Amino acid sequence: MGYWDLEEGKDCVAKTWVTTKVATVVGLVATAYRMVLFKPEPPLQALTTAASLTGTMAAMGAIFGMTTCISAQVRDEPDSPANYFIGGCASGVFLGARTHSPMTGTMACVGLGTVAMLTKVGKMEGWRLTGSPKL
């Protein structure tokens, strides 16, 4: 079952579980690329870097999923794109706190919130990144 198959504002644990799994996979892929590009010297440093990056991404996914779902419940507007902006912004704020940088948190809040909101609007209106092939 995918994220979009679950009803908005309902079953927050299931939606959070899906976003956490996806974010964890993204974190593992980012870790793999980082290990290839910037080879850590001691193996322990590689392990701690991998855990840190993957854990941060997993936490951001969980924060996004839970905040979006709770926002839909509290605002009593389950299909509002604003819920997705709030969830993306909360994830960005976490990233800023994790990096100890208010500027990173602010920009990540705006950036991730906007991407999440546009994703929801696109889903609602049927936007496609790729069209039908023209032969």
N, C-alpha and C. Protein backbone atom coordinates (compact mmCIF):
# COMPACT_ATOMS: atom_id res chain seq x y z
N MET A 1 0.85 -1.18 0.00
CA MET A 1 0.00 0.00 0.00
C MET A 1 0.89 1.24 0.00
N GLY A 2 0.58 2.18 -0.87
CA GLY A 2 1.38 3.39 -1.00
C GLY A 2 0.83 4.55 -0.19
N TYR A 3 1.59 5.60 -0.17
CA TYR A 3 1.22 6.79 0.60
C TYR A 3 -0.10 7.38 0.12
N TRP A 4 -0.27 7.48 -1.19
CA TRP A 4 -1.46 8.13 -1.73
C TRP A 4 -2.69 7.24 -1.62
N ASP A 5 -2.52 5.97 -1.29
CA ASP A 5 -3.66 5.07 -1.12
C ASP A 5 -4.35 5.28 0.22
N LEU A 6 -3.64 5.85 1.18
CA LEU A 6 -4.20 6.07 2.51
C LEU A 6 -4.97 7.38 2.54
N GLU A 7 -6.06 7.40 3.27
CA GLU A 7 -6.91 8.59 3.35
C GLU A 7 -6.20 9.68 4.15
N GLU A 8 -6.33 10.92 3.67
CA GLU A 8 -5.69 12.07 4.33
C GLU A 8 -6.33 12.30 5.71
N GLY A 9 -5.49 12.52 6.71
CA GLY A 9 -5.97 12.83 8.05
C GLY A 9 -6.41 11.62 8.84
N LYS A 10 -6.28 10.44 8.28
CA LYS A 10 -6.65 9.21 8.98
C LYS A 10 -5.43 8.30 9.04
N ASP A 11 -5.40 7.44 10.02
CA ASP A 11 -4.34 6.45 10.17
C ASP A 11 -2.95 7.08 10.07
N CYS A 12 -2.70 8.00 10.99
CA CYS A 12 -1.43 8.74 10.98
C CYS A 12 -0.21 7.83 11.13
N VAL A 13 -0.36 6.75 11.87
CA VAL A 13 0.77 5.85 12.08
C VAL A 13 1.18 5.20 10.76
N ALA A 14 0.22 4.76 9.96
CA ALA A 14 0.53 4.12 8.68
C ALA A 14 1.17 5.12 7.71
N LYS A 15 0.64 6.34 7.65
CA LYS A 15 1.22 7.35 6.76
C LYS A 15 2.64 7.72 7.20
N THR A 16 2.83 7.82 8.49
CA THR A 16 4.16 8.14 9.02
C THR A 16 5.14 6.99 8.73
N TRP A 17 4.67 5.76 8.85
CA TRP A 17 5.53 4.61 8.57
C TRP A 17 5.98 4.62 7.11
N VAL A 18 5.08 4.94 6.20
CA VAL A 18 5.43 4.98 4.77
C VAL A 18 6.46 6.08 4.51
N THR A 19 6.23 7.29 5.03
CA THR A 19 7.18 8.38 4.79
C THR A 19 8.53 8.10 5.44
N THR A 20 8.53 7.45 6.58
CA THR A 20 9.78 7.11 7.24
C THR A 20 10.57 6.10 6.42
N LYS A 21 9.89 5.09 5.87
CA LYS A 21 10.57 4.10 5.04
C LYS A 21 11.17 4.73 3.80
N VAL A 22 10.42 5.59 3.14
CA VAL A 22 10.92 6.23 1.92
C VAL A 22 12.11 7.12 2.25
N ALA A 23 12.01 7.90 3.31
CA ALA A 23 13.11 8.79 3.70
C ALA A 23 14.34 8.00 4.12
N THR A 24 14.16 6.85 4.74
CA THR A 24 15.29 6.02 5.13
C THR A 24 16.02 5.50 3.90
N VAL A 25 15.28 5.08 2.89
CA VAL A 25 15.91 4.62 1.64
C VAL A 25 16.67 5.77 0.98
N VAL A 26 16.07 6.95 0.96
CA VAL A 26 16.75 8.12 0.39
C VAL A 26 18.03 8.41 1.18
N GLY A 27 17.95 8.30 2.49
CA GLY A 27 19.13 8.51 3.32
C GLY A 27 20.22 7.49 3.06
N LEU A 28 19.84 6.23 2.85
CA LEU A 28 20.84 5.20 2.54
C LEU A 28 21.49 5.45 1.18
N VAL A 29 20.71 5.87 0.20
CA VAL A 29 21.27 6.17 -1.12
C VAL A 29 22.22 7.37 -1.03
N ALA A 30 21.80 8.41 -0.31
CA ALA A 30 22.66 9.58 -0.14
C ALA A 30 23.95 9.20 0.59
N THR A 31 23.84 8.33 1.57
CA THR A 31 25.02 7.86 2.29
C THR A 31 25.97 7.11 1.36
N ALA A 32 25.42 6.27 0.51
CA ALA A 32 26.26 5.52 -0.43
C ALA A 32 27.03 6.46 -1.35
N TYR A 33 26.32 7.46 -1.87
CA TYR A 33 27.00 8.44 -2.73
C TYR A 33 28.07 9.21 -1.96
N ARG A 34 27.76 9.57 -0.73
CA ARG A 34 28.74 10.32 0.06
C ARG A 34 29.98 9.48 0.34
N MET A 35 29.77 8.19 0.61
CA MET A 35 30.91 7.31 0.89
C MET A 35 31.80 7.14 -0.36
N VAL A 36 31.18 7.13 -1.53
CA VAL A 36 31.97 7.00 -2.76
C VAL A 36 32.72 8.29 -3.05
N LEU A 37 32.06 9.43 -2.88
CA LEU A 37 32.69 10.71 -3.21
C LEU A 37 33.72 11.16 -2.18
N PHE A 38 33.40 11.00 -0.91
CA PHE A 38 34.29 11.43 0.17
C PHE A 38 34.65 10.21 1.01
N LYS A 39 35.69 9.54 0.64
CA LYS A 39 36.06 8.29 1.31
C LYS A 39 36.52 8.58 2.75
N PRO A 40 35.78 8.08 3.73
CA PRO A 40 36.21 8.26 5.12
C PRO A 40 37.40 7.34 5.42
N GLU A 41 38.32 7.82 6.23
CA GLU A 41 39.53 7.06 6.54
C GLU A 41 39.23 5.87 7.46
N PRO A 42 38.89 6.09 8.71
CA PRO A 42 38.64 4.92 9.55
C PRO A 42 37.23 4.36 9.31
N PRO A 43 37.06 3.05 9.40
CA PRO A 43 35.73 2.44 9.20
C PRO A 43 34.69 2.95 10.19
N LEU A 44 35.11 3.27 11.40
CA LEU A 44 34.16 3.77 12.39
C LEU A 44 33.56 5.10 11.95
N GLN A 45 34.37 5.95 11.31
CA GLN A 45 33.86 7.22 10.80
C GLN A 45 32.83 6.98 9.71
N ALA A 46 33.03 6.00 8.87
CA ALA A 46 32.06 5.66 7.83
C ALA A 46 30.75 5.22 8.45
N LEU A 47 30.84 4.41 9.48
CA LEU A 47 29.64 3.91 10.15
C LEU A 47 28.86 5.04 10.83
N THR A 48 29.56 5.92 11.52
CA THR A 48 28.87 7.02 12.20
C THR A 48 28.27 8.00 11.20
N THR A 49 28.96 8.25 10.10
CA THR A 49 28.43 9.13 9.06
C THR A 49 27.18 8.53 8.44
N ALA A 50 27.22 7.24 8.14
CA ALA A 50 26.07 6.56 7.55
C ALA A 50 24.88 6.60 8.50
N ALA A 51 25.12 6.34 9.76
CA ALA A 51 24.03 6.36 10.74
C ALA A 51 23.45 7.76 10.90
N SER A 52 24.33 8.76 10.91
CA SER A 52 23.87 10.13 11.08
C SER A 52 23.02 10.60 9.90
N LEU A 53 23.52 10.37 8.68
CA LEU A 53 22.76 10.80 7.50
C LEU A 53 21.44 10.06 7.37
N THR A 54 21.49 8.75 7.52
CA THR A 54 20.28 7.95 7.38
C THR A 54 19.29 8.26 8.49
N GLY A 55 19.78 8.42 9.69
CA GLY A 55 18.89 8.75 10.82
C GLY A 55 18.23 10.11 10.65
N THR A 56 18.99 11.07 10.15
CA THR A 56 18.42 12.41 9.93
C THR A 56 17.32 12.36 8.88
N MET A 57 17.57 11.65 7.78
CA MET A 57 16.56 11.55 6.73
C MET A 57 15.32 10.79 7.23
N ALA A 58 15.54 9.72 7.98
CA ALA A 58 14.40 8.96 8.52
C ALA A 58 13.56 9.83 9.46
N ALA A 59 14.24 10.60 10.30
CA ALA A 59 13.52 11.48 11.22
C ALA A 59 12.74 12.56 10.46
N MET A 60 13.34 13.09 9.39
CA MET A 60 12.62 14.09 8.59
C MET A 60 11.38 13.49 7.94
N GLY A 61 11.48 12.26 7.47
CA GLY A 61 10.32 11.59 6.89
C GLY A 61 9.23 11.36 7.92
N ALA A 62 9.62 10.93 9.11
CA ALA A 62 8.64 10.71 10.17
C ALA A 62 7.98 12.02 10.59
N ILE A 63 8.78 13.07 10.71
CA ILE A 63 8.23 14.37 11.09
C ILE A 63 7.26 14.87 10.02
N PHE A 64 7.63 14.71 8.75
CA PHE A 64 6.74 15.13 7.67
C PHE A 64 5.42 14.36 7.72
N GLY A 65 5.49 13.05 7.81
CA GLY A 65 4.28 12.24 7.81
C GLY A 65 3.36 12.55 8.98
N MET A 66 3.93 12.64 10.16
CA MET A 66 3.10 12.88 11.34
C MET A 66 2.55 14.30 11.36
N THR A 67 3.36 15.28 11.02
CA THR A 67 2.90 16.67 11.02
C THR A 67 1.81 16.90 9.98
N THR A 68 1.97 16.33 8.80
CA THR A 68 0.97 16.48 7.75
C THR A 68 -0.36 15.88 8.19
N CYS A 69 -0.31 14.70 8.77
CA CYS A 69 -1.53 14.02 9.19
C CYS A 69 -2.20 14.74 10.37
N ILE A 70 -1.42 15.14 11.34
CA ILE A 70 -1.99 15.85 12.49
C ILE A 70 -2.54 17.20 12.06
N SER A 71 -1.86 17.88 11.16
CA SER A 71 -2.34 19.16 10.65
C SER A 71 -3.69 18.98 9.95
N ALA A 72 -3.84 17.91 9.19
CA ALA A 72 -5.11 17.64 8.52
C ALA A 72 -6.23 17.40 9.53
N GLN A 73 -5.90 16.75 10.63
CA GLN A 73 -6.91 16.49 11.66
C GLN A 73 -7.27 17.76 12.43
N VAL A 74 -6.28 18.52 12.82
CA VAL A 74 -6.50 19.72 13.63
C VAL A 74 -7.23 20.80 12.82
N ARG A 75 -6.81 21.00 11.59
CA ARG A 75 -7.41 22.03 10.74
C ARG A 75 -8.75 21.59 10.16
N ASP A 76 -9.05 20.29 10.26
CA ASP A 76 -10.29 19.72 9.73
C ASP A 76 -10.43 19.98 8.24
N GLU A 77 -9.29 20.02 7.54
CA GLU A 77 -9.24 20.16 6.08
C GLU A 77 -8.27 19.11 5.55
N PRO A 78 -8.73 17.88 5.40
CA PRO A 78 -7.79 16.81 5.06
C PRO A 78 -7.12 16.94 3.70
N ASP A 79 -7.74 17.55 2.73
CA ASP A 79 -7.15 17.62 1.39
C ASP A 79 -6.48 18.95 1.09
N SER A 80 -6.21 19.76 2.08
CA SER A 80 -5.61 21.07 1.87
C SER A 80 -4.10 20.95 1.61
N PRO A 81 -3.61 21.59 0.56
CA PRO A 81 -2.15 21.60 0.33
C PRO A 81 -1.37 22.28 1.46
N ALA A 82 -2.05 23.12 2.24
CA ALA A 82 -1.37 23.79 3.35
C ALA A 82 -0.86 22.78 4.37
N ASN A 83 -1.55 21.64 4.52
CA ASN A 83 -1.08 20.60 5.44
C ASN A 83 0.30 20.09 5.01
N TYR A 84 0.49 19.98 3.71
CA TYR A 84 1.76 19.50 3.20
C TYR A 84 2.85 20.56 3.37
N PHE A 85 2.48 21.83 3.21
CA PHE A 85 3.46 22.89 3.47
C PHE A 85 3.90 22.85 4.92
N ILE A 86 2.95 22.68 5.82
CA ILE A 86 3.26 22.63 7.26
C ILE A 86 4.18 21.44 7.56
N GLY A 87 3.89 20.28 6.97
CA GLY A 87 4.73 19.10 7.19
C GLY A 87 6.14 19.29 6.64
N GLY A 88 6.24 19.84 5.43
CA GLY A 88 7.56 20.10 4.85
C GLY A 88 8.34 21.12 5.65
N CYS A 89 7.64 22.14 6.11
CA CYS A 89 8.29 23.18 6.92
C CYS A 89 8.80 22.59 8.24
N ALA A 90 8.01 21.73 8.86
CA ALA A 90 8.44 21.11 10.12
C ALA A 90 9.70 20.26 9.90
N SER A 91 9.76 19.56 8.78
CA SER A 91 10.96 18.78 8.46
C SER A 91 12.16 19.70 8.25
N GLY A 92 11.94 20.83 7.59
CA GLY A 92 13.01 21.79 7.38
C GLY A 92 13.52 22.40 8.67
N VAL A 93 12.61 22.68 9.58
CA VAL A 93 13.00 23.23 10.88
C VAL A 93 13.86 22.21 11.63
N PHE A 94 13.48 20.93 11.55
CA PHE A 94 14.28 19.88 12.18
C PHE A 94 15.69 19.85 11.58
N LEU A 95 15.78 19.96 10.27
CA LEU A 95 17.09 19.96 9.63
C LEU A 95 17.93 21.14 10.11
N GLY A 96 17.31 22.31 10.26
CA GLY A 96 18.03 23.47 10.79
C GLY A 96 18.51 23.24 12.22
N ALA A 97 17.67 22.61 13.03
CA ALA A 97 18.07 22.31 14.40
C ALA A 97 19.20 21.29 14.43
N ARG A 98 19.13 20.33 13.53
CA ARG A 98 20.15 19.27 13.46
C ARG A 98 21.51 19.84 13.04
N THR A 99 21.49 20.83 12.14
CA THR A 99 22.74 21.43 11.68
C THR A 99 23.14 22.65 12.51
N HIS A 100 22.34 23.00 13.49
CA HIS A 100 22.61 24.17 14.35
C HIS A 100 22.69 25.45 13.53
N SER A 101 21.81 25.56 12.52
CA SER A 101 21.86 26.71 11.63
C SER A 101 20.44 27.25 11.40
N PRO A 102 20.12 28.42 11.97
CA PRO A 102 18.80 28.99 11.73
C PRO A 102 18.53 29.28 10.26
N MET A 103 19.55 29.69 9.52
CA MET A 103 19.37 29.98 8.09
C MET A 103 19.04 28.70 7.32
N THR A 104 19.73 27.62 7.64
CA THR A 104 19.42 26.34 7.00
C THR A 104 18.00 25.92 7.31
N GLY A 105 17.60 26.07 8.55
CA GLY A 105 16.23 25.72 8.95
C GLY A 105 15.19 26.56 8.24
N THR A 106 15.45 27.83 8.11
CA THR A 106 14.49 28.73 7.44
C THR A 106 14.37 28.38 5.97
N MET A 107 15.50 28.23 5.31
CA MET A 107 15.46 27.94 3.88
C MET A 107 14.90 26.53 3.61
N ALA A 108 15.24 25.57 4.45
CA ALA A 108 14.71 24.22 4.29
C ALA A 108 13.21 24.21 4.56
N CYS A 109 12.76 25.00 5.51
CA CYS A 109 11.32 25.12 5.80
C CYS A 109 10.57 25.61 4.57
N VAL A 110 11.05 26.69 4.01
CA VAL A 110 10.39 27.27 2.84
C VAL A 110 10.51 26.33 1.64
N GLY A 111 11.70 25.80 1.41
CA GLY A 111 11.92 24.93 0.26
C GLY A 111 11.14 23.62 0.33
N LEU A 112 11.29 22.90 1.43
CA LEU A 112 10.60 21.62 1.57
C LEU A 112 9.09 21.81 1.66
N GLY A 113 8.66 22.87 2.33
CA GLY A 113 7.23 23.15 2.40
C GLY A 113 6.64 23.44 1.03
N THR A 114 7.34 24.21 0.24
CA THR A 114 6.86 24.54 -1.10
C THR A 114 6.83 23.30 -2.00
N VAL A 115 7.87 22.50 -1.95
CA VAL A 115 7.90 21.27 -2.77
C VAL A 115 6.76 20.33 -2.35
N ALA A 116 6.55 20.17 -1.06
CA ALA A 116 5.48 19.30 -0.58
C ALA A 116 4.11 19.83 -1.00
N MET A 117 3.91 21.13 -0.87
CA MET A 117 2.63 21.73 -1.25
C MET A 117 2.38 21.57 -2.75
N LEU A 118 3.39 21.83 -3.56
CA LEU A 118 3.24 21.68 -5.00
C LEU A 118 3.01 20.22 -5.40
N THR A 119 3.60 19.31 -4.67
CA THR A 119 3.36 17.89 -4.92
C THR A 119 1.89 17.55 -4.67
N LYS A 120 1.34 18.05 -3.58
CA LYS A 120 -0.07 17.79 -3.27
C LYS A 120 -0.98 18.46 -4.31
N VAL A 121 -0.69 19.70 -4.68
CA VAL A 121 -1.50 20.38 -5.70
C VAL A 121 -1.42 19.62 -7.02
N GLY A 122 -0.24 19.19 -7.38
CA GLY A 122 -0.07 18.41 -8.61
C GLY A 122 -0.85 17.11 -8.57
N LYS A 123 -0.84 16.45 -7.44
CA LYS A 123 -1.61 15.20 -7.29
C LYS A 123 -3.11 15.47 -7.42
N MET A 124 -3.57 16.56 -6.82
CA MET A 124 -5.00 16.89 -6.86
C MET A 124 -5.44 17.27 -8.27
N GLU A 125 -4.58 17.96 -9.00
CA GLU A 125 -4.95 18.47 -10.33
C GLU A 125 -4.47 17.58 -11.47
N GLY A 126 -3.80 16.50 -11.15
CA GLY A 126 -3.38 15.56 -12.18
C GLY A 126 -2.18 15.99 -13.00
N TRP A 127 -1.29 16.79 -12.41
CA TRP A 127 -0.08 17.20 -13.13
C TRP A 127 0.78 15.98 -13.40
N ARG A 128 1.51 16.03 -14.49
CA ARG A 128 2.45 14.96 -14.84
C ARG A 128 3.79 15.58 -15.20
N LEU A 129 4.86 14.94 -14.77
CA LEU A 129 6.19 15.42 -15.14
C LEU A 129 6.55 14.98 -16.54
N THR A 130 5.99 13.87 -16.96
CA THR A 130 6.24 13.39 -18.31
C THR A 130 4.89 13.19 -18.99
N GLY A 131 4.82 13.53 -20.23
CA GLY A 131 3.59 13.37 -20.98
C GLY A 131 3.58 12.07 -21.76
N SER A 132 2.54 11.86 -22.50
CA SER A 132 2.46 10.70 -23.36
C SER A 132 3.48 10.85 -24.49
N PRO A 133 4.07 9.76 -24.88
CA PRO A 133 5.05 9.87 -25.97
C PRO A 133 4.38 10.27 -27.28
N LYS A 134 5.04 11.15 -28.02
CA LYS A 134 4.51 11.60 -29.30
C LYS A 134 5.22 10.83 -30.40
N LEU A 135 4.49 10.03 -31.08
CA LEU A 135 5.08 9.22 -32.16
C LEU A 135 4.64 9.74 -33.52
